[in-house]
Protein backbone atom coordinates (compact mmCIF):
# COMPACT_ATOMS: atom_id res chain seq x y z
CA MET A 1 -28.71 29.81 28.94
CA ALA A 2 -28.06 27.26 26.26
CA LEU A 3 -24.64 27.56 24.73
CA ASN A 4 -24.48 28.29 21.05
CA ARG A 5 -21.51 28.16 18.70
CA GLU A 6 -21.16 31.98 18.49
CA PHE A 7 -21.07 32.32 22.30
CA ILE A 8 -18.44 29.59 22.56
CA ILE A 9 -16.24 31.16 19.87
CA GLN A 10 -16.52 34.63 21.38
CA THR A 11 -15.69 33.32 24.85
CA LEU A 12 -12.73 31.30 23.59
CA ALA A 13 -11.35 34.29 21.66
CA LYS A 14 -11.75 36.70 24.59
CA LYS A 15 -10.22 34.39 27.19
CA TYR A 16 -7.39 33.25 24.89
CA TYR A 17 -6.52 36.89 24.15
CA GLN A 18 -6.58 37.66 27.88
CA PHE A 19 -4.37 34.64 28.61
CA LEU A 20 -1.79 35.37 25.88
CA SER A 21 -1.64 39.07 26.73
CA ALA A 22 -0.71 38.29 30.33
CA LEU A 23 2.22 35.96 29.58
CA PRO A 24 5.77 37.23 30.26
CA TYR A 25 7.30 36.06 26.98
CA HIS A 26 10.73 37.46 27.95
CA ASP A 27 10.93 35.15 31.00
CA GLN A 28 12.30 31.92 29.55
CA LEU A 29 11.89 29.88 32.75
CA TYR A 30 8.29 30.94 33.18
CA MET A 31 7.53 30.18 29.53
CA LYS A 32 9.19 26.76 29.86
CA GLY A 33 7.03 26.01 32.90
CA ILE A 34 3.78 27.11 31.26
CA HIS A 35 4.51 25.43 27.91
CA GLU A 36 2.13 22.46 28.29
CA GLY A 37 -0.63 24.54 29.83
CA LYS A 38 -0.28 27.10 27.05
CA GLY A 39 -0.75 24.36 24.49
CA LYS A 40 -3.87 22.97 26.18
CA PHE A 41 -5.58 26.24 27.09
CA LEU A 42 -8.02 26.39 24.16
CA ALA A 43 -8.94 22.70 24.16
CA ASN A 44 -9.50 22.62 27.93
CA LEU A 45 -11.65 25.76 27.89
CA HIS A 46 -13.68 24.51 24.91
CA ILE A 47 -14.33 21.16 26.59
CA HIS A 48 -15.39 22.92 29.79
CA LEU A 49 -17.77 25.30 28.02
CA VAL A 50 -19.44 22.53 26.03
CA THR A 51 -19.74 19.93 28.79
CA LYS A 52 -20.31 21.98 31.97
CA ASP A 53 -24.11 21.86 31.75
CA LEU A 54 -24.39 18.29 30.48
CA PRO A 55 -25.64 15.51 32.74
CA LYS A 56 -22.82 14.00 34.81
CA LYS A 57 -22.79 10.80 32.73
CA TRP A 58 -21.96 12.92 29.65
CA ASN A 59 -19.29 15.08 31.31
CA ASP A 60 -16.52 13.73 29.07
CA LYS A 61 -14.57 15.49 26.33
CA ARG A 62 -15.83 13.01 23.76
CA TYR A 63 -19.30 14.55 24.18
CA SER A 64 -17.87 17.99 23.30
CA THR A 65 -16.99 17.38 19.68
CA ASP A 66 -18.96 18.74 16.75
CA PHE A 67 -18.39 15.82 14.40
CA VAL A 68 -18.51 12.08 15.00
CA THR A 69 -18.65 9.05 12.76
CA PRO A 70 -21.96 7.18 12.58
CA ALA A 71 -20.42 4.30 14.55
CA ALA A 72 -19.14 6.67 17.27
CA LEU A 73 -22.56 8.35 17.47
CA GLU A 74 -24.17 4.99 18.25
CA ILE A 75 -21.67 4.41 21.07
CA LEU A 76 -22.32 7.90 22.49
CA LYS A 77 -26.10 7.39 22.29
CA ASN A 78 -25.64 4.37 24.54
CA ASN A 79 -24.00 6.59 27.20
CA SER A 80 -20.58 5.12 26.56
CA VAL A 81 -17.23 6.43 25.35
CA ASN A 82 -15.45 3.08 25.25
CA GLY A 83 -13.07 2.83 22.32
CA LEU A 84 -13.61 6.45 21.21
CA GLU A 85 -10.78 8.93 20.63
CA TYR A 86 -11.00 12.71 20.89
CA GLU A 87 -9.21 14.41 17.99
CA HIS A 88 -8.91 18.05 16.96
CA LEU A 89 -10.49 18.77 13.60
CA ILE A 90 -7.76 21.19 12.57
CA PRO A 91 -4.10 21.37 13.59
CA LYS A 92 -4.71 23.95 16.31
CA LYS A 93 -1.04 24.62 16.97
CA LYS A 94 -0.23 25.52 13.36
CA TYR A 95 -3.39 27.44 12.48
CA ILE A 96 -4.39 29.03 15.80
CA GLN A 97 -1.81 28.90 18.60
CA ASP A 98 1.33 29.82 16.66
CA ILE A 99 -0.37 32.71 14.86
CA CYS A 100 -2.02 34.11 18.00
CA GLU A 101 1.17 33.78 20.06
CA GLN A 102 3.24 35.56 17.41
CA LYS A 103 0.76 38.44 17.45
CA ALA A 104 0.74 38.55 21.27
CA ILE A 105 4.54 38.68 21.40
CA ALA A 106 4.58 41.49 18.82
């Protein structure tokens, strides 16, 4: 099954809800330990969903982005990622993570 944007968004939303709902927010030590993983959950899952069925030579997060510059596209077309950076298009912490976590805590 080819992945489409709607499937990816629905999967991310469902799994992120499941993840946040299971966290013991009252346990400060646990939350301290999971802090970095909590921050990377969405990005890691998105990268996995987008790249899991790509050929091995393209199994890199820089092939998972929706937007690239023309110069970066030429590099990717040549099966390379040299010199390319992976950046989030929106500040995910401010506009997604913080809001979702506040709702999960409540």
